[in-house]
């Protein structure tokens, strides 16, 4: 099982050559340092992951490092990195590794981002080609500092991948482009195959979990994608175990279906550190199965609801099922 030592710091260990070194590690989450520490609940038996380290995992890591790319697999401390990189699946995180927001659940570094790397679209496209990906997921940090929130950069990455790997299907997981008029239109015009934007949690938890975002803005964003281009699949995901009530999750499903969202993902929240939002409880596999059954009844074309479900976990396989589900629906 993968073990994370201290995700508040970039490197929590002392200087390897000099354990007595006074050089302090770079703070990953300075805004969380004064928060009280939350207890870490013992993980139940059903949450187990394979530790990374296979030859194929190492090959994927080598390509990512050679192109100096950032992956959300590493930055967010995803528990599925061993399995995904073994299959040469990686979710690329563009526009740097520093987010302008400080969500209570997230392990991505917060601070002032660096300037955009205008060669990044080519680097990502080259990595996709070298890995031979049939399906790729592209996400990003929030870039509230940019006039368009990074929309044009997203579009450039999509176009670069299309040119380098015409057969690769492209899924994007975007920020909310809050107060960035015209940004969504730029991204949709680049025609990704799947447009994913996560609601993350129920509206009643936004103030504590996702304070920089607005629930109904995110919902409207997903609805607008369908209005702009009905052929694009839309997708959204939430975490459970943050203290939400079951009926709140069911209402969120209805909200997503009202926005014509095709695919919902539901996974267990796992706290990156004691300073992050606490895990209130571990949701059982039977409860996840119940959410899956209800979501299909409500009309979603595709549902992924398990403790270890993450937005891009099994994204390629799920996209094939999603496309087949639409074809079957249209055929009927």
C-alpha atoms as a PDB file:
ATOM      1  CA  UNK A   1       0.000   0.000   0.000  1.00  0.00           C
ATOM      2  CA  UNK A   2       1.325   3.438  -0.900  1.00  0.00           C
ATOM      3  CA  UNK A   3       2.309   5.534   2.100  1.00  0.00           C
ATOM      4  CA  UNK A   4       2.402   9.338   2.064  1.00  0.00           C
ATOM      5  CA  UNK A   5       4.646  10.808   4.745  1.00  0.00           C
ATOM      6  CA  UNK A   6       3.744  14.488   4.989  1.00  0.00           C
ATOM      7  CA  UNK A   7       1.946  16.097   2.102  1.00  0.00           C
ATOM      8  CA  UNK A   8       1.999  19.563   3.640  1.00  0.00           C
ATOM      9  CA  UNK A   9       5.653  19.753   2.615  1.00  0.00           C
ATOM     10  CA  UNK A  10       7.318  19.221  -0.738  1.00  0.00           C
ATOM     11  CA  UNK A  11       9.943  16.997   0.902  1.00  0.00           C
ATOM     12  CA  UNK A  12       9.420  16.264   4.595  1.00  0.00           C
ATOM     13  CA  UNK A  13      12.730  14.444   5.014  1.00  0.00           C
ATOM     14  CA  UNK A  14      15.954  16.040   6.293  1.00  0.00           C
ATOM     15  CA  UNK A  15      18.768  16.702   3.855  1.00  0.00           C
ATOM     16  CA  UNK A  16      19.857  13.224   2.770  1.00  0.00           C
ATOM     17  CA  UNK A  17      23.531  14.107   2.945  1.00  0.00           C
ATOM     18  CA  UNK A  18      23.319  15.982   6.204  1.00  0.00           C
ATOM     19  CA  UNK A  19      20.501  14.997   8.590  1.00  0.00           C
ATOM     20  CA  UNK A  20      21.375  17.953  10.845  1.00  0.00           C
ATOM     21  CA  UNK A  21      20.929  20.458   8.044  1.00  0.00           C
ATOM     22  CA  UNK A  22      18.924  23.528   9.038  1.00  0.00           C
ATOM     23  CA  UNK A  23      17.489  23.878   5.509  1.00  0.00           C
ATOM     24  CA  UNK A  24      13.739  23.599   5.928  1.00  0.00           C
ATOM     25  CA  UNK A  25      11.555  21.916   3.314  1.00  0.00           C
ATOM     26  CA  UNK A  26       9.400  24.125   1.106  1.00  0.00           C
ATOM     27  CA  UNK A  27       5.908  24.443   2.522  1.00  0.00           C
ATOM     28  CA  UNK A  28       3.375  22.918   0.181  1.00  0.00           C
ATOM     29  CA  UNK A  29       0.324  24.345   1.951  1.00  0.00           C
ATOM     30  CA  UNK A  30       1.347  27.430   3.953  1.00  0.00           C
ATOM     31  CA  UNK A  31      -2.289  28.517   4.224  1.00  0.00           C
ATOM     32  CA  UNK A  32      -3.105  25.338   6.175  1.00  0.00           C
ATOM     33  CA  UNK A  33      -0.279  25.519   8.737  1.00  0.00           C
ATOM     34  CA  UNK A  34      -2.352  27.254  11.429  1.00  0.00           C
ATOM     35  CA  UNK A  35      -5.306  24.913  11.108  1.00  0.00           C
ATOM     36  CA  UNK A  36      -5.908  22.437  13.931  1.00  0.00           C
ATOM     37  CA  UNK A  37      -4.879  18.877  13.206  1.00  0.00           C
ATOM     38  CA  UNK A  38      -7.628  16.379  12.490  1.00  0.00           C
ATOM     39  CA  UNK A  39      -7.456  12.744  13.604  1.00  0.00           C
ATOM     40  CA  UNK A  40      -6.645  10.226  10.891  1.00  0.00           C
ATOM     41  CA  UNK A  41      -9.214   7.449  10.805  1.00  0.00           C
ATOM     42  CA  UNK A  42      -7.981   3.904  10.319  1.00  0.00           C
ATOM     43  CA  UNK A  43      -8.688   2.839   6.748  1.00  0.00           C
ATOM     44  CA  UNK A  44     -11.072  -0.101   6.361  1.00  0.00           C
ATOM     45  CA  UNK A  45     -10.098  -3.302   4.592  1.00  0.00           C
ATOM     46  CA  UNK A  46     -11.800  -2.310   1.337  1.00  0.00           C
ATOM     47  CA  UNK A  47      -9.410   0.596   0.743  1.00  0.00           C
ATOM     48  CA  UNK A  48      -6.219  -1.007  -0.444  1.00  0.00           C
ATOM     49  CA  UNK A  49      -3.956  -0.054  -3.345  1.00  0.00           C
ATOM     50  CA  UNK A  50      -0.960  -1.649  -4.987  1.00  0.00           C
ATOM     51  CA  UNK A  51       2.320   0.122  -4.304  1.00  0.00           C
ATOM     52  CA  UNK A  52       3.901   1.558  -7.489  1.00  0.00           C
ATOM     53  CA  UNK A  53       7.198   0.254  -8.810  1.00  0.00           C
ATOM     54  CA  UNK A  54       6.673  -2.125 -11.763  1.00  0.00           C
ATOM     55  CA  UNK A  55       8.780  -1.832 -14.953  1.00  0.00           C
ATOM     56  CA  UNK A  56       5.851  -0.341 -16.903  1.00  0.00           C
ATOM     57  CA  UNK A  57       5.247   2.154 -14.096  1.00  0.00           C
ATOM     58  CA  UNK A  58       8.908   3.142 -14.270  1.00  0.00           C
ATOM     59  CA  UNK A  59       8.701   3.544 -18.050  1.00  0.00           C
ATOM     60  CA  UNK A  60       5.728   5.901 -17.726  1.00  0.00           C
ATOM     61  CA  UNK A  61       7.535   7.878 -15.030  1.00  0.00           C
ATOM     62  CA  UNK A  62      10.618   8.170 -17.242  1.00  0.00           C
ATOM     63  CA  UNK A  63       8.623   9.666 -20.128  1.00  0.00           C
ATOM     64  CA  UNK A  64       6.805  12.097 -17.825  1.00  0.00           C
ATOM     65  CA  UNK A  65      10.077  13.253 -16.260  1.00  0.00           C
ATOM     66  CA  UNK A  66      11.896  13.494 -19.596  1.00  0.00           C
ATOM     67  CA  UNK A  67       9.285  15.944 -20.891  1.00  0.00           C
ATOM     68  CA  UNK A  68       9.271  17.777 -17.519  1.00  0.00           C
ATOM     69  CA  UNK A  69       5.515  17.342 -17.275  1.00  0.00           C
ATOM     70  CA  UNK A  70       3.288  17.605 -14.220  1.00  0.00           C
ATOM     71  CA  UNK A  71       0.730  14.885 -13.496  1.00  0.00           C
ATOM     72  CA  UNK A  72      -2.220  15.108 -11.145  1.00  0.00           C
ATOM     73  CA  UNK A  73      -1.426  11.481 -10.291  1.00  0.00           C
ATOM     74  CA  UNK A  74       1.615  12.727  -8.347  1.00  0.00           C
ATOM     75  CA  UNK A  75       0.523  16.206  -7.295  1.00  0.00           C
ATOM     76  CA  UNK A  76      -2.816  15.105  -5.841  1.00  0.00           C
ATOM     77  CA  UNK A  77      -1.369  11.954  -4.250  1.00  0.00           C
ATOM     78  CA  UNK A  78      -3.787   9.703  -6.139  1.00  0.00           C
ATOM     79  CA  UNK A  79      -4.024   6.207  -4.621  1.00  0.00           C
ATOM     80  CA  UNK A  80      -4.381   4.634  -8.071  1.00  0.00           C
ATOM     81  CA  UNK A  81      -1.051   5.797  -9.502  1.00  0.00           C
ATOM     82  CA  UNK A  82       0.486   2.307  -9.377  1.00  0.00           C
ATOM     83  CA  UNK A  83      -2.354   0.708 -11.320  1.00  0.00           C
ATOM     84  CA  UNK A  84      -2.735   3.530 -13.852  1.00  0.00           C
ATOM     85  CA  UNK A  85       0.952   4.017 -14.643  1.00  0.00           C
ATOM     86  CA  UNK A  86       1.315   0.238 -14.970  1.00  0.00           C
ATOM     87  CA  UNK A  87      -1.163   0.568 -17.868  1.00  0.00           C
ATOM     88  CA  UNK A  88       0.597   3.696 -19.191  1.00  0.00           C
ATOM     89  CA  UNK A  89      -2.362   5.853 -18.181  1.00  0.00           C
ATOM     90  CA  UNK A  90      -1.431   9.277 -16.852  1.00  0.00           C
ATOM     91  CA  UNK A  91      -3.467  12.415 -16.243  1.00  0.00           C
ATOM     92  CA  UNK A  92      -1.437  15.434 -17.292  1.00  0.00           C
ATOM     93  CA  UNK A  93      -1.803  18.614 -15.263  1.00  0.00           C
ATOM     94  CA  UNK A  94      -1.093  21.683 -17.366  1.00  0.00           C
ATOM     95  CA  UNK A  95      -0.289  25.306 -16.473  1.00  0.00           C
ATOM     96  CA  UNK A  96       2.094  24.415 -13.650  1.00  0.00           C
ATOM     97  CA  UNK A  97       1.885  22.747 -10.265  1.00  0.00           C
ATOM     98  CA  UNK A  98       0.704  25.764  -8.237  1.00  0.00           C
ATOM     99  CA  UNK A  99      -2.985  26.564  -7.776  1.00  0.00           C
ATOM    100  CA  UNK A 100      -4.438  29.978  -7.005  1.00  0.00           C
ATOM    101  CA  UNK A 101      -7.044  28.436  -4.710  1.00  0.00           C
ATOM    102  CA  UNK A 102      -6.817  26.518  -1.451  1.00  0.00           C
ATOM    103  CA  UNK A 103      -9.586  23.927  -1.315  1.00  0.00           C
ATOM    104  CA  UNK A 104      -9.726  22.114   2.015  1.00  0.00           C
ATOM    105  CA  UNK A 105      -9.561  18.642   0.431  1.00  0.00           C
ATOM    106  CA  UNK A 106      -6.853  19.144  -2.182  1.00  0.00           C
ATOM    107  CA  UNK A 107      -3.148  18.265  -2.058  1.00  0.00           C
ATOM    108  CA  UNK A 108      -2.091  20.424  -5.025  1.00  0.00           C
ATOM    109  CA  UNK A 109       0.280  23.198  -3.955  1.00  0.00           C
ATOM    110  CA  UNK A 110      -1.207  26.655  -3.349  1.00  0.00           C
ATOM    111  CA  UNK A 111       0.556  29.926  -4.119  1.00  0.00           C
ATOM    112  CA  UNK A 112       1.496  32.340  -6.884  1.00  0.00           C
ATOM    113  CA  UNK A 113       1.905  30.394 -10.160  1.00  0.00           C
ATOM    114  CA  UNK A 114       4.713  30.906 -12.626  1.00  0.00           C
ATOM    115  CA  UNK A 115       4.187  32.147 -16.175  1.00  0.00           C
ATOM    116  CA  UNK A 116       2.711  29.679 -18.669  1.00  0.00           C
ATOM    117  CA  UNK A 117       5.106  27.432 -20.559  1.00  0.00           C
ATOM    118  CA  UNK A 118       4.107  28.140 -24.148  1.00  0.00           C
ATOM    119  CA  UNK A 119       5.912  24.984 -25.281  1.00  0.00           C
ATOM    120  CA  UNK A 120       3.817  22.820 -22.958  1.00  0.00           C
ATOM    121  CA  UNK A 121       1.203  21.833 -25.592  1.00  0.00           C
ATOM    122  CA  UNK A 122       3.962  20.287 -27.737  1.00  0.00           C
ATOM    123  CA  UNK A 123       5.521  18.523 -24.727  1.00  0.00           C
ATOM    124  CA  UNK A 124       2.190  17.003 -23.699  1.00  0.00           C
ATOM    125  CA  UNK A 125       1.425  15.947 -27.274  1.00  0.00           C
ATOM    126  CA  UNK A 126       4.880  14.321 -27.582  1.00  0.00           C
ATOM    127  CA  UNK A 127       4.360  12.386 -24.349  1.00  0.00           C
ATOM    128  CA  UNK A 128       0.917  11.194 -25.486  1.00  0.00           C
ATOM    129  CA  UNK A 129       2.468   9.951 -28.738  1.00  0.00           C
ATOM    130  CA  UNK A 130       5.391   8.217 -26.965  1.00  0.00           C
ATOM    131  CA  UNK A 131       3.049   6.487 -24.521  1.00  0.00           C
ATOM    132  CA  UNK A 132       0.782   5.453 -27.385  1.00  0.00           C
ATOM    133  CA  UNK A 133      -2.319   6.543 -25.500  1.00  0.00           C
ATOM    134  CA  UNK A 134      -5.718   5.710 -26.956  1.00  0.00           C
ATOM    135  CA  UNK A 135      -7.378   8.057 -24.449  1.00  0.00           C
ATOM    136  CA  UNK A 136      -5.774  10.906 -22.521  1.00  0.00           C
ATOM    137  CA  UNK A 137      -6.983  13.065 -19.640  1.00  0.00           C
ATOM    138  CA  UNK A 138      -5.807  16.666 -19.347  1.00  0.00           C
ATOM    139  CA  UNK A 139      -6.488  18.687 -16.206  1.00  0.00           C
ATOM    140  CA  UNK A 140      -5.071  21.849 -14.687  1.00  0.00           C
ATOM    141  CA  UNK A 141      -4.652  23.925 -11.590  1.00  0.00           C
ATOM    142  CA  UNK A 142      -6.953  26.914 -11.133  1.00  0.00           C
ATOM    143  CA  UNK A 143      -5.369  29.959 -12.763  1.00  0.00           C
ATOM    144  CA  UNK A 144      -7.461  32.859 -11.475  1.00  0.00           C
ATOM    145  CA  UNK A 145      -4.464  35.091 -12.272  1.00  0.00           C
ATOM    146  CA  UNK A 146      -4.986  34.672 -16.030  1.00  0.00           C
ATOM    147  CA  UNK A 147      -7.510  36.766 -17.927  1.00  0.00           C
ATOM    148  CA  UNK A 148      -9.118  33.690 -19.511  1.00  0.00           C
ATOM    149  CA  UNK A 149      -8.328  31.267 -16.676  1.00  0.00           C
ATOM    150  CA  UNK A 150      -6.093  29.319 -19.067  1.00  0.00           C
ATOM    151  CA  UNK A 151      -8.839  28.520 -21.601  1.00  0.00           C
ATOM    152  CA  UNK A 152      -6.703  29.226 -24.672  1.00  0.00           C
ATOM    153  CA  UNK A 153      -3.890  27.093 -23.224  1.00  0.00           C
ATOM    154  CA  UNK A 154      -6.336  24.199 -22.835  1.00  0.00           C
ATOM    155  CA  UNK A 155      -7.383  24.669 -26.462  1.00  0.00           C
ATOM    156  CA  UNK A 156      -3.758  24.702 -27.658  1.00  0.00           C
ATOM    157  CA  UNK A 157      -3.047  21.442 -25.807  1.00  0.00           C
ATOM    158  CA  UNK A 158      -6.111  19.795 -27.360  1.00  0.00           C
ATOM    159  CA  UNK A 159      -5.093  20.917 -30.864  1.00  0.00           C
ATOM    160  CA  UNK A 160      -1.493  19.754 -30.366  1.00  0.00           C
ATOM    161  CA  UNK A 161      -2.625  16.275 -29.300  1.00  0.00           C
ATOM    162  CA  UNK A 162      -4.995  16.053 -32.281  1.00  0.00           C
ATOM    163  CA  UNK A 163      -2.098  16.822 -34.601  1.00  0.00           C
ATOM    164  CA  UNK A 164       0.407  14.449 -32.974  1.00  0.00           C
ATOM    165  CA  UNK A 165      -2.017  11.587 -32.234  1.00  0.00           C
ATOM    166  CA  UNK A 166      -5.148  11.843 -34.401  1.00  0.00           C
ATOM    167  CA  UNK A 167      -6.543   8.577 -33.043  1.00  0.00           C
ATOM    168  CA  UNK A 168      -6.332   9.575 -29.383  1.00  0.00           C
ATOM    169  CA  UNK A 169      -9.574  10.575 -27.711  1.00  0.00           C
ATOM    170  CA  UNK A 170      -9.252  13.547 -25.361  1.00  0.00           C
ATOM    171  CA  UNK A 171     -10.885  14.100 -21.991  1.00  0.00           C
ATOM    172  CA  UNK A 172     -10.396  17.378 -20.144  1.00  0.00           C
ATOM    173  CA  UNK A 173     -10.995  18.076 -16.457  1.00  0.00           C
ATOM    174  CA  UNK A 174     -11.253  21.839 -16.158  1.00  0.00           C
ATOM    175  CA  UNK A 175     -11.463  24.467 -13.441  1.00  0.00           C
ATOM    176  CA  UNK A 176     -14.677  26.484 -13.214  1.00  0.00           C
ATOM    177  CA  UNK A 177     -13.484  29.595 -15.152  1.00  0.00           C
ATOM    178  CA  UNK A 178     -15.294  31.681 -12.534  1.00  0.00           C
ATOM    179  CA  UNK A 179     -15.583  35.328 -13.654  1.00  0.00           C
ATOM    180  CA  UNK A 180     -13.828  34.540 -16.963  1.00  0.00           C
ATOM    181  CA  UNK A 181     -16.390  35.516 -19.641  1.00  0.00           C
ATOM    182  CA  UNK A 182     -15.895  33.754 -22.969  1.00  0.00           C
ATOM    183  CA  UNK A 183     -13.422  31.215 -21.572  1.00  0.00           C
ATOM    184  CA  UNK A 184     -15.726  28.201 -21.790  1.00  0.00           C
ATOM    185  CA  UNK A 185     -16.534  28.913 -25.425  1.00  0.00           C
ATOM    186  CA  UNK A 186     -12.827  28.786 -26.313  1.00  0.00           C
ATOM    187  CA  UNK A 187     -12.376  25.361 -24.728  1.00  0.00           C
ATOM    188  CA  UNK A 188     -15.552  23.862 -26.195  1.00  0.00           C
ATOM    189  CA  UNK A 189     -14.603  25.116 -29.687  1.00  0.00           C
ATOM    190  CA  UNK A 190     -11.465  22.936 -29.487  1.00  0.00           C
ATOM    191  CA  UNK A 191     -13.855  19.937 -29.341  1.00  0.00           C
ATOM    192  CA  UNK A 192     -12.584  17.627 -26.597  1.00  0.00           C
ATOM    193  CA  UNK A 193     -14.363  14.265 -26.579  1.00  0.00           C
ATOM    194  CA  UNK A 194     -15.244  14.535 -22.881  1.00  0.00           C
ATOM    195  CA  UNK A 195     -15.653  17.711 -20.836  1.00  0.00           C
ATOM    196  CA  UNK A 196     -15.309  16.990 -17.116  1.00  0.00           C
ATOM    197  CA  UNK A 197     -15.770  19.503 -14.331  1.00  0.00           C
ATOM    198  CA  UNK A 198     -16.136  18.169 -10.806  1.00  0.00           C
ATOM    199  CA  UNK A 199     -18.713  19.505  -8.366  1.00  0.00           C
ATOM    200  CA  UNK A 200     -16.579  17.761  -5.685  1.00  0.00           C
ATOM    201  CA  UNK A 201     -19.235  17.849  -2.938  1.00  0.00           C
ATOM    202  CA  UNK A 202     -22.835  18.758  -2.147  1.00  0.00           C
ATOM    203  CA  UNK A 203     -23.746  22.484  -2.037  1.00  0.00           C
ATOM    204  CA  UNK A 204     -24.075  22.584   1.749  1.00  0.00           C
ATOM    205  CA  UNK A 205     -20.373  21.719   2.109  1.00  0.00           C
ATOM    206  CA  UNK A 206     -18.974  24.287  -0.327  1.00  0.00           C
ATOM    207  CA  UNK A 207     -18.125  26.947   2.268  1.00  0.00           C
ATOM    208  CA  UNK A 208     -15.758  24.585   4.100  1.00  0.00           C
ATOM    209  CA  UNK A 209     -14.663  22.220   1.330  1.00  0.00           C
ATOM    210  CA  UNK A 210     -14.526  24.371  -1.806  1.00  0.00           C
ATOM    211  CA  UNK A 211     -14.760  28.008  -0.603  1.00  0.00           C
ATOM    212  CA  UNK A 212     -13.362  29.596  -3.771  1.00  0.00           C
ATOM    213  CA  UNK A 213     -16.039  28.022  -5.994  1.00  0.00           C
ATOM    214  CA  UNK A 214     -19.801  28.349  -6.425  1.00  0.00           C
ATOM    215  CA  UNK A 215     -21.979  25.250  -6.739  1.00  0.00           C
ATOM    216  CA  UNK A 216     -24.549  26.667  -9.151  1.00  0.00           C
ATOM    217  CA  UNK A 217     -21.874  28.284 -11.317  1.00  0.00           C
ATOM    218  CA  UNK A 218     -20.207  24.879 -11.729  1.00  0.00           C
ATOM    219  CA  UNK A 219     -23.557  23.297 -12.515  1.00  0.00           C
ATOM    220  CA  UNK A 220     -24.327  25.986 -15.080  1.00  0.00           C
ATOM    221  CA  UNK A 221     -20.876  25.510 -16.653  1.00  0.00           C
ATOM    222  CA  UNK A 222     -21.686  21.862 -17.383  1.00  0.00           C
ATOM    223  CA  UNK A 223     -25.083  22.796 -18.765  1.00  0.00           C
ATOM    224  CA  UNK A 224     -23.526  25.390 -21.075  1.00  0.00           C
ATOM    225  CA  UNK A 225     -21.174  22.804 -22.577  1.00  0.00           C
ATOM    226  CA  UNK A 226     -24.223  20.863 -23.813  1.00  0.00           C
ATOM    227  CA  UNK A 227     -25.828  24.033 -25.111  1.00  0.00           C
ATOM    228  CA  UNK A 228     -22.685  24.950 -27.049  1.00  0.00           C
ATOM    229  CA  UNK A 229     -21.980  21.452 -28.419  1.00  0.00           C
ATOM    230  CA  UNK A 230     -24.414  18.588 -27.650  1.00  0.00           C
ATOM    231  CA  UNK A 231     -22.003  16.042 -29.154  1.00  0.00           C
ATOM    232  CA  UNK A 232     -19.463  16.479 -26.343  1.00  0.00           C
ATOM    233  CA  UNK A 233     -19.852  14.054 -23.446  1.00  0.00           C
ATOM    234  CA  UNK A 234     -20.087  15.791 -20.067  1.00  0.00           C
ATOM    235  CA  UNK A 235     -18.897  14.358 -16.799  1.00  0.00           C
ATOM    236  CA  UNK A 236     -18.712  15.370 -13.142  1.00  0.00           C
ATOM    237  CA  UNK A 237     -17.604  13.789  -9.898  1.00  0.00           C
ATOM    238  CA  UNK A 238     -17.951  14.086  -6.154  1.00  0.00           C
ATOM    239  CA  UNK A 239     -16.252  12.783  -3.033  1.00  0.00           C
ATOM    240  CA  UNK A 240     -18.221  11.252  -0.181  1.00  0.00           C
ATOM    241  CA  UNK A 241     -17.232  10.881   3.444  1.00  0.00           C
ATOM    242  CA  UNK A 242     -17.080  14.649   4.045  1.00  0.00           C
ATOM    243  CA  UNK A 243     -20.182  14.728   6.217  1.00  0.00           C
ATOM    244  CA  UNK A 244     -22.797  14.934   3.475  1.00  0.00           C
ATOM    245  CA  UNK A 245     -26.211  13.301   3.884  1.00  0.00           C
ATOM    246  CA  UNK A 246     -27.485  10.636   1.505  1.00  0.00           C
ATOM    247  CA  UNK A 247     -30.433  12.748   0.374  1.00  0.00           C
ATOM    248  CA  UNK A 248     -28.003  15.569  -0.516  1.00  0.00           C
ATOM    249  CA  UNK A 249     -26.119  13.213  -2.837  1.00  0.00           C
ATOM    250  CA  UNK A 250     -29.363  12.143  -4.502  1.00  0.00           C
ATOM    251  CA  UNK A 251     -30.376  15.792  -5.012  1.00  0.00           C
ATOM    252  CA  UNK A 252     -26.969  16.504  -6.550  1.00  0.00           C
ATOM    253  CA  UNK A 253     -27.586  13.653  -9.008  1.00  0.00           C
ATOM    254  CA  UNK A 254     -30.881  15.293  -9.998  1.00  0.00           C
ATOM    255  CA  UNK A 255     -29.096  18.636 -10.450  1.00  0.00           C
ATOM    256  CA  UNK A 256     -26.545  17.032 -12.769  1.00  0.00           C
ATOM    257  CA  UNK A 257     -29.218  15.301 -14.804  1.00  0.00           C
ATOM    258  CA  UNK A 258     -31.051  18.628 -15.141  1.00  0.00           C
ATOM    259  CA  UNK A 259     -27.821  19.918 -16.687  1.00  0.00           C
ATOM    260  CA  UNK A 260     -27.806  16.864 -19.012  1.00  0.00           C
ATOM    261  CA  UNK A 261     -24.549  15.499 -17.594  1.00  0.00           C
ATOM    262  CA  UNK A 262     -23.805  12.045 -19.027  1.00  0.00           C
ATOM    263  CA  UNK A 263     -21.342  10.543 -16.543  1.00  0.00           C
ATOM    264  CA  UNK A 264     -21.009  10.775 -12.759  1.00  0.00           C
ATOM    265  CA  UNK A 265     -18.119   9.530 -10.618  1.00  0.00           C
ATOM    266  CA  UNK A 266     -18.397   8.994  -6.862  1.00  0.00           C
ATOM    267  CA  UNK A 267     -15.394   8.115  -4.702  1.00  0.00           C
ATOM    268  CA  UNK A 268     -14.262   8.052  -1.085  1.00  0.00           C
ATOM    269  CA  UNK A 269     -12.531  11.186   0.204  1.00  0.00           C
ATOM    270  CA  UNK A 270      -9.091  10.460   1.672  1.00  0.00           C
ATOM    271  CA  UNK A 271      -7.412  13.282   3.599  1.00  0.00           C
ATOM    272  CA  UNK A 272      -3.910  14.131   2.284  1.00  0.00           C
ATOM    273  CA  UNK A 273      -2.804  15.276   5.767  1.00  0.00           C
ATOM    274  CA  UNK A 274      -4.071  16.111   9.250  1.00  0.00           C
ATOM    275  CA  UNK A 275      -4.373  19.764   8.211  1.00  0.00           C
ATOM    276  CA  UNK A 276      -6.801  19.017   5.396  1.00  0.00           C
ATOM    277  CA  UNK A 277     -10.543  18.497   5.829  1.00  0.00           C
ATOM    278  CA  UNK A 278     -11.163  15.493   8.044  1.00  0.00           C
ATOM    279  CA  UNK A 279     -12.584  12.216   6.782  1.00  0.00           C
ATOM    280  CA  UNK A 280     -15.912  12.119   8.605  1.00  0.00           C
ATOM    281  CA  UNK A 281     -16.588   8.500   7.735  1.00  0.00           C
ATOM    282  CA  UNK A 282     -15.731   5.721   5.314  1.00  0.00           C
ATOM    283  CA  UNK A 283     -18.639   4.918   3.027  1.00  0.00           C
ATOM    284  CA  UNK A 284     -19.172   1.173   2.584  1.00  0.00           C
ATOM    285  CA  UNK A 285     -18.968  -0.656  -0.768  1.00  0.00           C
ATOM    286  CA  UNK A 286     -22.673  -1.495  -0.461  1.00  0.00           C
ATOM    287  CA  UNK A 287     -23.512   2.218  -0.214  1.00  0.00           C
ATOM    288  CA  UNK A 288     -21.418   2.952  -3.297  1.00  0.00           C
ATOM    289  CA  UNK A 289     -23.258   0.196  -5.162  1.00  0.00           C
ATOM    290  CA  UNK A 290     -26.560   1.733  -4.095  1.00  0.00           C
ATOM    291  CA  UNK A 291     -25.476   5.139  -5.440  1.00  0.00           C
ATOM    292  CA  UNK A 292     -24.551   3.462  -8.734  1.00  0.00           C
ATOM    293  CA  UNK A 293     -27.950   1.780  -9.064  1.00  0.00           C
ATOM    294  CA  UNK A 294     -29.837   4.994  -8.306  1.00  0.00           C
ATOM    295  CA  UNK A 295     -27.699   7.060 -10.688  1.00  0.00           C
ATOM    296  CA  UNK A 296     -28.462   4.736 -13.585  1.00  0.00           C
ATOM    297  CA  UNK A 297     -32.172   4.913 -12.750  1.00  0.00           C
ATOM    298  CA  UNK A 298     -31.938   8.706 -12.853  1.00  0.00           C
ATOM    299  CA  UNK A 299     -30.654   8.508 -16.415  1.00  0.00           C
ATOM    300  CA  UNK A 300     -26.854   8.780 -16.398  1.00  0.00           C
ATOM    301  CA  UNK A 301     -25.265   6.995 -19.353  1.00  0.00           C
ATOM    302  CA  UNK A 302     -22.254   5.993 -17.261  1.00  0.00           C
ATOM    303  CA  UNK A 303     -21.624   5.707 -13.515  1.00  0.00           C
ATOM    304  CA  UNK A 304     -18.461   4.891 -11.594  1.00  0.00           C
ATOM    305  CA  UNK A 305     -19.125   4.574  -7.869  1.00  0.00           C
ATOM    306  CA  UNK A 306     -16.555   2.754  -5.724  1.00  0.00           C
ATOM    307  CA  UNK A 307     -14.343   3.713  -2.773  1.00  0.00           C
ATOM    308  CA  UNK A 308     -11.294   4.191  -5.023  1.00  0.00           C
ATOM    309  CA  UNK A 309     -13.089   5.845  -7.938  1.00  0.00           C
ATOM    310  CA  UNK A 310     -11.310   8.997  -9.092  1.00  0.00           C
ATOM    311  CA  UNK A 311     -12.159  11.310 -11.999  1.00  0.00           C
ATOM    312  CA  UNK A 312      -9.666   9.808 -14.425  1.00  0.00           C
ATOM    313  CA  UNK A 313      -9.464   6.251 -13.045  1.00  0.00           C
ATOM    314  CA  UNK A 314     -10.207   3.806 -15.888  1.00  0.00           C
ATOM    315  CA  UNK A 315     -11.029   6.843 -18.049  1.00  0.00           C
ATOM    316  CA  UNK A 316     -10.219   5.098 -21.332  1.00  0.00           C
ATOM    317  CA  UNK A 317     -12.304   2.012 -20.617  1.00  0.00           C
ATOM    318  CA  UNK A 318     -15.127   4.156 -19.267  1.00  0.00           C
ATOM    319  CA  UNK A 319     -15.111   6.359 -22.370  1.00  0.00           C
ATOM    320  CA  UNK A 320     -15.617   3.297 -24.578  1.00  0.00           C
ATOM    321  CA  UNK A 321     -18.589   2.260 -22.406  1.00  0.00           C
ATOM    322  CA  UNK A 322     -19.936   5.809 -22.474  1.00  0.00           C
ATOM    323  CA  UNK A 323     -19.833   5.959 -26.257  1.00  0.00           C
ATOM    324  CA  UNK A 324     -21.494   2.548 -26.517  1.00  0.00           C
ATOM    325  CA  UNK A 325     -24.233   3.620 -24.065  1.00  0.00           C
ATOM    326  CA  UNK A 326     -25.037   6.685 -26.162  1.00  0.00           C
ATOM    327  CA  UNK A 327     -25.129   4.624 -29.336  1.00  0.00           C
ATOM    328  CA  UNK A 328     -27.504   2.134 -27.718  1.00  0.00           C
ATOM    329  CA  UNK A 329     -29.758   4.931 -26.454  1.00  0.00           C
ATOM    330  CA  UNK A 330     -29.915   6.594 -29.853  1.00  0.00           C
ATOM    331  CA  UNK A 331     -30.512   3.236 -31.504  1.00  0.00           C
ATOM    332  CA  UNK A 332     -33.503   2.568 -29.288  1.00  0.00           C
END
